Every structure is written in C-alpha cells, then in structure tokens.
Amino acid sequence: MIFKKKITLLEAFDCVPCSFQTLDGRRMTVAIDEQICPQTCKLLEDEGMPVEGSRERGNLYLTFDIEFPTQFKLETKQCMIAALERNAEQLTV
C-alpha cells in the first residue's frame, strides 16, 4: 500500500518527523533521517493493509508530495540561489 504525505518545502529540508493517520485510525510518526525529495519512498514494514486470511499486515510505502511556494520575496529568492550555487557540487545527482 502506498500513502502519500503532503509536506512543506521547509519540512523536506529540515527533516521534520512525519505524522499521519493510517486507514485503520492509528496515528503514526516516522522519523525522517534523510533529505526528502520528490522521489523519496520510506518502507514501513508490517504497517500496511491486513493480509487476507491471516493476522499479518502488508508493507506501507510512504511517499512525499512536497509543496513548493508559488512566490518568494526577491531578497529571499536571491539568498536561496546563492546558497544553491555555493553547494552546486552537492546538487548533482
């Protein structure tokens, strides 16, 4: 089962723990121990849907929908561009 969690750009950069409610009503919080990008997928073993005919559960795959701001103040945009340029060698995939 795949669960898509909507997070802000700040939460993605800051590796903020992710909380959500499962389909069966449980509240889960997942520690984020890596930089989140749109392709990030976290495997939560045995946290998915029940397996028919058993007491086991399938796996839950947590993906992220990162909300990007639609506009920035010019000063903020310039600061972000400068920070990205200073770290250009780390931005290559």
PDB file of N, CA and C in Angstrom:
ATOM      1  N   MET A   1       0.841  -1.169   0.000  1.00  0.00           N
ATOM      2  CA  MET A   1       0.000   0.000   0.000  1.00  0.00           C
ATOM      3  C   MET A   1       0.893   1.241   0.000  1.00  0.00           C
ATOM      4  N   ILE A   2       0.506   2.248  -0.762  1.00  0.00           N
ATOM      5  CA  ILE A   2       1.272   3.494  -0.841  1.00  0.00           C
ATOM      6  C   ILE A   2       0.460   4.614  -0.202  1.00  0.00           C
ATOM      7  N   PHE A   3       1.103   5.360   0.700  1.00  0.00           N
ATOM      8  CA  PHE A   3       0.485   6.506   1.348  1.00  0.00           C
ATOM      9  C   PHE A   3       1.304   7.728   0.971  1.00  0.00           C
ATOM     10  N   LYS A   4       0.665   8.759   0.415  1.00  0.00           N
ATOM     11  CA  LYS A   4       1.362   9.981   0.021  1.00  0.00           C
ATOM     12  C   LYS A   4       1.110  11.045   1.080  1.00  0.00           C
ATOM     13  N   LYS A   5       2.177  11.559   1.675  1.00  0.00           N
ATOM     14  CA  LYS A   5       2.100  12.577   2.721  1.00  0.00           C
ATOM     15  C   LYS A   5       2.505  13.918   2.143  1.00  0.00           C
ATOM     16  N   LYS A   6       1.656  14.907   2.325  1.00  0.00           N
ATOM     17  CA  LYS A   6       1.946  16.264   1.863  1.00  0.00           C
ATOM     18  C   LYS A   6       2.780  16.978   2.927  1.00  0.00           C
ATOM     19  N   ILE A   7       3.933  17.522   2.517  1.00  0.00           N
ATOM     20  CA  ILE A   7       4.794  18.271   3.434  1.00  0.00           C
ATOM     21  C   ILE A   7       5.241  19.563   2.762  1.00  0.00           C
ATOM     22  N   THR A   8       5.678  20.505   3.565  1.00  0.00           N
ATOM     23  CA  THR A   8       6.165  21.772   3.030  1.00  0.00           C
ATOM     24  C   THR A   8       7.624  21.626   2.607  1.00  0.00           C
ATOM     25  N   LEU A   9       8.101  22.569   1.826  1.00  0.00           N
ATOM     26  CA  LEU A   9       9.497  22.584   1.412  1.00  0.00           C
ATOM     27  C   LEU A   9      10.399  22.699   2.639  1.00  0.00           C
ATOM     28  N   LEU A  10      10.004  23.500   3.609  1.00  0.00           N
ATOM     29  CA  LEU A  10      10.780  23.648   4.844  1.00  0.00           C
ATOM     30  C   LEU A  10      10.875  22.309   5.578  1.00  0.00           C
ATOM     31  N   GLU A  11       9.771  21.571   5.681  1.00  0.00           N
ATOM     32  CA  GLU A  11       9.796  20.262   6.341  1.00  0.00           C
ATOM     33  C   GLU A  11      10.705  19.294   5.596  1.00  0.00           C
ATOM     34  N   ALA A  12      10.714  19.369   4.274  1.00  0.00           N
ATOM     35  CA  ALA A  12      11.576  18.496   3.478  1.00  0.00           C
ATOM     36  C   ALA A  12      13.051  18.804   3.733  1.00  0.00           C
ATOM     37  N   PHE A  13      13.406  20.072   3.780  1.00  0.00           N
ATOM     38  CA  PHE A  13      14.793  20.469   4.033  1.00  0.00           C
ATOM     39  C   PHE A  13      15.211  20.196   5.468  1.00  0.00           C
ATOM     40  N   ASP A  14      14.292  20.377   6.401  1.00  0.00           N
ATOM     41  CA  ASP A  14      14.613  20.309   7.825  1.00  0.00           C
ATOM     42  C   ASP A  14      14.505  18.894   8.406  1.00  0.00           C
ATOM     43  N   CYS A  15      14.070  17.912   7.601  1.00  0.00           N
ATOM     44  CA  CYS A  15      13.933  16.513   8.052  1.00  0.00           C
ATOM     45  C   CYS A  15      13.045  16.404   9.290  1.00  0.00           C
ATOM     46  N   VAL A  16      11.908  17.085   9.247  1.00  0.00           N
ATOM     47  CA  VAL A  16      10.942  17.081  10.352  1.00  0.00           C
ATOM     48  C   VAL A  16      10.251  15.718  10.402  1.00  0.00           C
ATOM     49  N   PRO A  17      10.084  15.114  11.607  1.00  0.00           N
ATOM     50  CA  PRO A  17       9.337  13.854  11.691  1.00  0.00           C
ATOM     51  C   PRO A  17       7.956  14.004  11.057  1.00  0.00           C
ATOM     52  N   CYS A  18       7.501  12.948  10.444  1.00  0.00           N
ATOM     53  CA  CYS A  18       6.255  12.959   9.678  1.00  0.00           C
ATOM     54  C   CYS A  18       5.163  12.213  10.440  1.00  0.00           C
ATOM     55  N   SER A  19       4.059  12.877  10.736  1.00  0.00           N
ATOM     56  CA  SER A  19       2.933  12.247  11.431  1.00  0.00           C
ATOM     57  C   SER A  19       1.745  12.140  10.487  1.00  0.00           C
ATOM     58  N   PHE A  20       1.029  11.013  10.594  1.00  0.00           N
ATOM     59  CA  PHE A  20      -0.158  10.813   9.768  1.00  0.00           C
ATOM     60  C   PHE A  20      -1.052   9.761  10.414  1.00  0.00           C
ATOM     61  N   GLN A  21      -2.279   9.706   9.955  1.00  0.00           N
ATOM     62  CA  GLN A  21      -3.234   8.727  10.447  1.00  0.00           C
ATOM     63  C   GLN A  21      -3.402   7.635   9.399  1.00  0.00           C
ATOM     64  N   THR A  22      -3.314   6.378   9.831  1.00  0.00           N
ATOM     65  CA  THR A  22      -3.460   5.247   8.922  1.00  0.00           C
ATOM     66  C   THR A  22      -4.935   5.001   8.624  1.00  0.00           C
ATOM     67  N   LEU A  23      -5.189   4.150   7.642  1.00  0.00           N
ATOM     68  CA  LEU A  23      -6.577   3.845   7.276  1.00  0.00           C
ATOM     69  C   LEU A  23      -7.366   3.210   8.416  1.00  0.00           C
ATOM     70  N   ASP A  24      -6.664   2.496   9.299  1.00  0.00           N
ATOM     71  CA  ASP A  24      -7.368   1.874  10.423  1.00  0.00           C
ATOM     72  C   ASP A  24      -7.419   2.779  11.656  1.00  0.00           C
ATOM     73  N   GLY A  25      -7.077   4.053  11.488  1.00  0.00           N
ATOM     74  CA  GLY A  25      -7.236   5.048  12.546  1.00  0.00           C
ATOM     75  C   GLY A  25      -6.056   5.217  13.482  1.00  0.00           C
ATOM     76  N   ARG A  26      -5.002   4.450  13.280  1.00  0.00           N
ATOM     77  CA  ARG A  26      -3.833   4.620  14.144  1.00  0.00           C
ATOM     78  C   ARG A  26      -3.071   5.885  13.757  1.00  0.00           C
ATOM     79  N   ARG A  27      -2.433   6.508  14.730  1.00  0.00           N
ATOM     80  CA  ARG A  27      -1.603   7.690  14.493  1.00  0.00           C
ATOM     81  C   ARG A  27      -0.153   7.234  14.473  1.00  0.00           C
ATOM     82  N   MET A  28       0.560   7.526  13.403  1.00  0.00           N
ATOM     83  CA  MET A  28       1.966   7.134  13.289  1.00  0.00           C
ATOM     84  C   MET A  28       2.831   8.372  13.122  1.00  0.00           C
ATOM     85  N   THR A  29       4.032   8.304  13.700  1.00  0.00           N
ATOM     86  CA  THR A  29       5.053   9.321  13.483  1.00  0.00           C
ATOM     87  C   THR A  29       6.308   8.602  13.021  1.00  0.00           C
ATOM     88  N   VAL A  30       6.840   9.056  11.903  1.00  0.00           N
ATOM     89  CA  VAL A  30       8.018   8.433  11.297  1.00  0.00           C
ATOM     90  C   VAL A  30       9.169   9.424  11.354  1.00  0.00           C
ATOM     91  N   ALA A  31      10.298   8.968  11.907  1.00  0.00           N
ATOM     92  CA  ALA A  31      11.493   9.805  11.928  1.00  0.00           C
ATOM     93  C   ALA A  31      12.027   9.925  10.501  1.00  0.00           C
ATOM     94  N   ILE A  32      12.427  11.115  10.143  1.00  0.00           N
ATOM     95  CA  ILE A  32      12.997  11.350   8.813  1.00  0.00           C
ATOM     96  C   ILE A  32      14.503  11.516   8.994  1.00  0.00           C
ATOM     97  N   ASP A  33      15.253  10.543   8.521  1.00  0.00           N
ATOM     98  CA  ASP A  33      16.698  10.515   8.728  1.00  0.00           C
ATOM     99  C   ASP A  33      17.488  10.742   7.441  1.00  0.00           C
ATOM    100  N   GLU A  34      16.818  11.312   6.460  1.00  0.00           N
ATOM    101  CA  GLU A  34      17.468  11.596   5.183  1.00  0.00           C
ATOM    102  C   GLU A  34      16.809  12.817   4.557  1.00  0.00           C
ATOM    103  N   GLN A  35      17.510  13.420   3.607  1.00  0.00           N
ATOM    104  CA  GLN A  35      16.928  14.559   2.893  1.00  0.00           C
ATOM    105  C   GLN A  35      15.760  14.059   2.043  1.00  0.00           C
ATOM    106  N   ILE A  36      14.613  14.688   2.190  1.00  0.00           N
ATOM    107  CA  ILE A  36      13.428  14.287   1.435  1.00  0.00           C
ATOM    108  C   ILE A  36      13.430  14.991   0.084  1.00  0.00           C
ATOM    109  N   CYS A  37      13.175  14.225  -0.970  1.00  0.00           N
ATOM    110  CA  CYS A  37      12.998  14.772  -2.307  1.00  0.00           C
ATOM    111  C   CYS A  37      11.736  14.134  -2.885  1.00  0.00           C
ATOM    112  N   PRO A  38      11.251  14.612  -4.012  1.00  0.00           N
ATOM    113  CA  PRO A  38      10.006  14.044  -4.557  1.00  0.00           C
ATOM    114  C   PRO A  38      10.078  12.539  -4.842  1.00  0.00           C
ATOM    115  N   GLN A  39      11.276  11.979  -5.008  1.00  0.00           N
ATOM    116  CA  GLN A  39      11.396  10.548  -5.293  1.00  0.00           C
ATOM    117  C   GLN A  39      11.568   9.689  -4.035  1.00  0.00           C
ATOM    118  N   THR A  40      11.635  10.307  -2.852  1.00  0.00           N
ATOM    119  CA  THR A  40      11.850   9.560  -1.619  1.00  0.00           C
ATOM    120  C   THR A  40      10.667   8.642  -1.323  1.00  0.00           C
ATOM    121  N   CYS A  41      10.986   7.407  -0.942  1.00  0.00           N
ATOM    122  CA  CYS A  41       9.966   6.425  -0.556  1.00  0.00           C
ATOM    123  C   CYS A  41      10.479   5.690   0.682  1.00  0.00           C
ATOM    124  N   LYS A  42       9.734   5.789   1.784  1.00  0.00           N
ATOM    125  CA  LYS A  42      10.110   5.104   3.027  1.00  0.00           C
ATOM    126  C   LYS A  42       9.282   3.826   3.151  1.00  0.00           C
ATOM    127  N   LEU A  43       9.945   2.721   3.450  1.00  0.00           N
ATOM    128  CA  LEU A  43       9.279   1.441   3.659  1.00  0.00           C
ATOM    129  C   LEU A  43       8.964   1.283   5.142  1.00  0.00           C
ATOM    130  N   LEU A  44       7.693   1.057   5.457  1.00  0.00           N
ATOM    131  CA  LEU A  44       7.267   0.788   6.831  1.00  0.00           C
ATOM    132  C   LEU A  44       6.748  -0.644   6.855  1.00  0.00           C
ATOM    133  N   GLU A  45       7.617  -1.552   7.274  1.00  0.00           N
ATOM    134  CA  GLU A  45       7.274  -2.969   7.246  1.00  0.00           C
ATOM    135  C   GLU A  45       6.124  -3.289   8.200  1.00  0.00           C
ATOM    136  N   ASP A  46       5.227  -4.141   7.736  1.00  0.00           N
ATOM    137  CA  ASP A  46       4.089  -4.639   8.528  1.00  0.00           C
ATOM    138  C   ASP A  46       3.144  -3.541   9.007  1.00  0.00           C
ATOM    139  N   GLU A  47       3.093  -2.422   8.300  1.00  0.00           N
ATOM    140  CA  GLU A  47       2.201  -1.315   8.686  1.00  0.00           C
ATOM    141  C   GLU A  47       1.117  -1.069   7.641  1.00  0.00           C
ATOM    142  N   GLY A  48       1.036  -1.925   6.629  1.00  0.00           N
ATOM    143  CA  GLY A  48       0.069  -1.750   5.556  1.00  0.00           C
ATOM    144  C   GLY A  48      -1.260  -2.432   5.853  1.00  0.00           C
ATOM    145  N   MET A  49      -1.964  -2.765   4.802  1.00  0.00           N
ATOM    146  CA  MET A  49      -3.267  -3.412   4.910  1.00  0.00           C
ATOM    147  C   MET A  49      -3.127  -4.841   5.428  1.00  0.00           C
ATOM    148  N   PRO A  50      -4.139  -5.338   6.154  1.00  0.00           N
ATOM    149  CA  PRO A  50      -4.101  -6.725   6.607  1.00  0.00           C
ATOM    150  C   PRO A  50      -4.060  -7.683   5.419  1.00  0.00           C
ATOM    151  N   VAL A  51      -3.309  -8.762   5.589  1.00  0.00           N
ATOM    152  CA  VAL A  51      -3.223  -9.799   4.566  1.00  0.00           C
ATOM    153  C   VAL A  51      -4.422 -10.717   4.756  1.00  0.00           C
ATOM    154  N   GLU A  52      -5.186 -10.903   3.694  1.00  0.00           N
ATOM    155  CA  GLU A  52      -6.414 -11.704   3.769  1.00  0.00           C
ATOM    156  C   GLU A  52      -6.122 -13.114   4.282  1.00  0.00           C
ATOM    157  N   GLY A  53      -6.906 -13.556   5.251  1.00  0.00           N
ATOM    158  CA  GLY A  53      -6.780 -14.902   5.785  1.00  0.00           C
ATOM    159  C   GLY A  53      -5.681 -15.081   6.814  1.00  0.00           C
ATOM    160  N   SER A  54      -5.070 -13.982   7.274  1.00  0.00           N
ATOM    161  CA  SER A  54      -4.025 -14.113   8.299  1.00  0.00           C
ATOM    162  C   SER A  54      -4.056 -12.889   9.216  1.00  0.00           C
ATOM    163  N   ARG A  55      -3.219 -12.941  10.225  1.00  0.00           N
ATOM    164  CA  ARG A  55      -3.119 -11.806  11.156  1.00  0.00           C
ATOM    165  C   ARG A  55      -1.995 -10.853  10.742  1.00  0.00           C
ATOM    166  N   GLU A  56      -1.334 -11.180   9.660  1.00  0.00           N
ATOM    167  CA  GLU A  56      -0.212 -10.363   9.196  1.00  0.00           C
ATOM    168  C   GLU A  56      -0.700  -9.113   8.470  1.00  0.00           C
ATOM    169  N   ARG A  57       0.206  -8.169   8.364  1.00  0.00           N
ATOM    170  CA  ARG A  57      -0.063  -6.950   7.611  1.00  0.00           C
ATOM    171  C   ARG A  57       0.979  -6.834   6.503  1.00  0.00           C
ATOM    172  N   GLY A  58       0.562  -6.207   5.426  1.00  0.00           N
ATOM    173  CA  GLY A  58       1.494  -5.927   4.341  1.00  0.00           C
ATOM    174  C   GLY A  58       2.365  -4.730   4.698  1.00  0.00           C
ATOM    175  N   ASN A  59       3.160  -4.314   3.751  1.00  0.00           N
ATOM    176  CA  ASN A  59       4.032  -3.161   3.968  1.00  0.00           C
ATOM    177  C   ASN A  59       3.328  -1.878   3.541  1.00  0.00           C
ATOM    178  N   LEU A  60       3.737  -0.797   4.150  1.00  0.00           N
ATOM    179  CA  LEU A  60       3.242   0.534   3.806  1.00  0.00           C
ATOM    180  C   LEU A  60       4.417   1.305   3.226  1.00  0.00           C
ATOM    181  N   TYR A  61       4.209   1.908   2.071  1.00  0.00           N
ATOM    182  CA  TYR A  61       5.236   2.726   1.432  1.00  0.00           C
ATOM    183  C   TYR A  61       4.812   4.181   1.550  1.00  0.00           C
ATOM    184  N   LEU A  62       5.651   4.977   2.194  1.00  0.00           N
ATOM    185  CA  LEU A  62       5.355   6.384   2.427  1.00  0.00           C
ATOM    186  C   LEU A  62       6.109   7.218   1.397  1.00  0.00           C
ATOM    187  N   THR A  63       5.351   7.941   0.572  1.00  0.00           N
ATOM    188  CA  THR A  63       5.949   8.853  -0.403  1.00  0.00           C
ATOM    189  C   THR A  63       5.569  10.277  -0.017  1.00  0.00           C
ATOM    190  N   PHE A  64       6.186  11.246  -0.646  1.00  0.00           N
ATOM    191  CA  PHE A  64       6.025  12.633  -0.224  1.00  0.00           C
ATOM    192  C   PHE A  64       5.605  13.535  -1.380  1.00  0.00           C
ATOM    193  N   ASP A  65       4.660  14.387  -1.098  1.00  0.00           N
ATOM    194  CA  ASP A  65       4.211  15.430  -2.021  1.00  0.00           C
ATOM    195  C   ASP A  65       4.697  16.740  -1.418  1.00  0.00           C
ATOM    196  N   ILE A  66       5.779  17.268  -1.959  1.00  0.00           N
ATOM    197  CA  ILE A  66       6.392  18.477  -1.398  1.00  0.00           C
ATOM    198  C   ILE A  66       5.737  19.705  -2.000  1.00  0.00           C
ATOM    199  N   GLU A  67       5.173  20.532  -1.136  1.00  0.00           N
ATOM    200  CA  GLU A  67       4.516  21.769  -1.580  1.00  0.00           C
ATOM    201  C   GLU A  67       5.568  22.859  -1.730  1.00  0.00           C
ATOM    202  N   PHE A  68       5.760  23.310  -2.949  1.00  0.00           N
ATOM    203  CA  PHE A  68       6.705  24.388  -3.202  1.00  0.00           C
ATOM    204  C   PHE A  68       5.963  25.722  -3.156  1.00  0.00           C
ATOM    205  N   PRO A  69       6.564  26.735  -2.542  1.00  0.00           N
ATOM    206  CA  PRO A  69       5.932  28.052  -2.532  1.00  0.00           C
ATOM    207  C   PRO A  69       5.746  28.559  -3.958  1.00  0.00           C
ATOM    208  N   THR A  70       4.684  29.315  -4.177  1.00  0.00           N
ATOM    209  CA  THR A  70       4.424  29.828  -5.518  1.00  0.00           C
ATOM    210  C   THR A  70       5.161  31.135  -5.787  1.00  0.00           C
ATOM    211  N   GLN A  71       5.579  31.812  -4.725  1.00  0.00           N
ATOM    212  CA  GLN A  71       6.355  33.034  -4.928  1.00  0.00           C
ATOM    213  C   GLN A  71       7.192  33.331  -3.692  1.00  0.00           C
ATOM    214  N   PHE A  72       8.289  34.035  -3.911  1.00  0.00           N
ATOM    215  CA  PHE A  72       9.197  34.454  -2.852  1.00  0.00           C
ATOM    216  C   PHE A  72       9.439  35.942  -2.982  1.00  0.00           C
ATOM    217  N   LYS A  73       9.814  36.572  -1.881  1.00  0.00           N
ATOM    218  CA  LYS A  73      10.322  37.940  -1.959  1.00  0.00           C
ATOM    219  C   LYS A  73      11.637  37.872  -2.719  1.00  0.00           C
ATOM    220  N   LEU A  74      11.967  38.909  -3.453  1.00  0.00           N
ATOM    221  CA  LEU A  74      13.183  38.939  -4.262  1.00  0.00           C
ATOM    222  C   LEU A  74      14.419  38.643  -3.417  1.00  0.00           C
ATOM    223  N   GLU A  75      14.509  39.236  -2.225  1.00  0.00           N
ATOM    224  CA  GLU A  75      15.663  39.020  -1.344  1.00  0.00           C
ATOM    225  C   GLU A  75      15.785  37.545  -0.943  1.00  0.00           C
ATOM    226  N   THR A  76      14.662  36.923  -0.644  1.00  0.00           N
ATOM    227  CA  THR A  76      14.661  35.508  -0.267  1.00  0.00           C
ATOM    228  C   THR A  76      15.115  34.651  -1.437  1.00  0.00           C
ATOM    229  N   LYS A  77      14.611  34.947  -2.612  1.00  0.00           N
ATOM    230  CA  LYS A  77      14.977  34.189  -3.806  1.00  0.00           C
ATOM    231  C   LYS A  77      16.474  34.314  -4.077  1.00  0.00           C
ATOM    232  N   GLN A  78      17.017  35.525  -3.942  1.00  0.00           N
ATOM    233  CA  GLN A  78      18.441  35.732  -4.175  1.00  0.00           C
ATOM    234  C   GLN A  78      19.285  34.955  -3.165  1.00  0.00           C
ATOM    235  N   CYS A  79      18.853  34.906  -1.909  1.00  0.00           N
ATOM    236  CA  CYS A  79      19.569  34.153  -0.868  1.00  0.00           C
ATOM    237  C   CYS A  79      19.549  32.654  -1.179  1.00  0.00           C
ATOM    238  N   MET A  80      18.408  32.165  -1.622  1.00  0.00           N
ATOM    239  CA  MET A  80      18.293  30.743  -1.946  1.00  0.00           C
ATOM    240  C   MET A  80      19.170  30.385  -3.135  1.00  0.00           C
ATOM    241  N   ILE A  81      19.168  31.211  -4.155  1.00  0.00           N
ATOM    242  CA  ILE A  81      20.003  30.965  -5.343  1.00  0.00           C
ATOM    243  C   ILE A  81      21.474  30.961  -4.943  1.00  0.00           C
ATOM    244  N   ALA A  82      21.888  31.922  -4.121  1.00  0.00           N
ATOM    245  CA  ALA A  82      23.285  31.989  -3.681  1.00  0.00           C
ATOM    246  C   ALA A  82      23.663  30.741  -2.884  1.00  0.00           C
ATOM    247  N   ALA A  83      22.781  30.290  -2.007  1.00  0.00           N
ATOM    248  CA  ALA A  83      23.063  29.086  -1.208  1.00  0.00           C
ATOM    249  C   ALA A  83      23.175  27.858  -2.100  1.00  0.00           C
ATOM    250  N   LEU A  84      22.302  27.743  -3.088  1.00  0.00           N
ATOM    251  CA  LEU A  84      22.357  26.604  -4.004  1.00  0.00           C
ATOM    252  C   LEU A  84      23.626  26.647  -4.854  1.00  0.00           C
ATOM    253  N   GLU A  85      24.013  27.828  -5.289  1.00  0.00           N
ATOM    254  CA  GLU A  85      25.237  27.957  -6.090  1.00  0.00           C
ATOM    255  C   GLU A  85      26.471  27.586  -5.271  1.00  0.00           C
ATOM    256  N   ARG A  86      26.499  27.973  -3.978  1.00  0.00           N
ATOM    257  CA  ARG A  86      27.627  27.639  -3.116  1.00  0.00           C
ATOM    258  C   ARG A  86      27.753  26.130  -2.903  1.00  0.00           C
ATOM    259  N   ASN A  87      26.657  25.424  -3.043  1.00  0.00           N
ATOM    260  CA  ASN A  87      26.637  23.978  -2.822  1.00  0.00           C
ATOM    261  C   ASN A  87      26.394  23.195  -4.095  1.00  0.00           C
ATOM    262  N   ALA A  88      26.743  23.781  -5.225  1.00  0.00           N
ATOM    263  CA  ALA A  88      26.437  23.190  -6.543  1.00  0.00           C
ATOM    264  C   ALA A  88      27.002  21.772  -6.682  1.00  0.00           C
ATOM    265  N   GLU A  89      28.188  21.518  -6.127  1.00  0.00           N
ATOM    266  CA  GLU A  89      28.789  20.194  -6.272  1.00  0.00           C
ATOM    267  C   GLU A  89      27.972  19.111  -5.557  1.00  0.00           C
ATOM    268  N   GLN A  90      27.196  19.477  -4.557  1.00  0.00           N
ATOM    269  CA  GLN A  90      26.358  18.528  -3.847  1.00  0.00           C
ATOM    270  C   GLN A  90      25.001  18.323  -4.519  1.00  0.00           C
ATOM    271  N   LEU A  91      24.662  19.186  -5.461  1.00  0.00           N
ATOM    272  CA  LEU A  91      23.338  19.135  -6.105  1.00  0.00           C
ATOM    273  C   LEU A  91      23.309  18.217  -7.311  1.00  0.00           C
ATOM    274  N   THR A  92      24.464  17.757  -7.771  1.00  0.00           N
ATOM    275  CA  THR A  92      24.454  16.863  -8.924  1.00  0.00           C
ATOM    276  C   THR A  92      24.024  15.477  -8.490  1.00  0.00           C
ATOM    277  N   VAL A  93      23.216  14.851  -9.317  1.00  0.00           N
ATOM    278  CA  VAL A  93      22.674  13.528  -8.986  1.00  0.00           C
ATOM    279  C   VAL A  93      23.505  12.450  -9.613  1.00  0.00           C
TER     280      VAL A  93
END
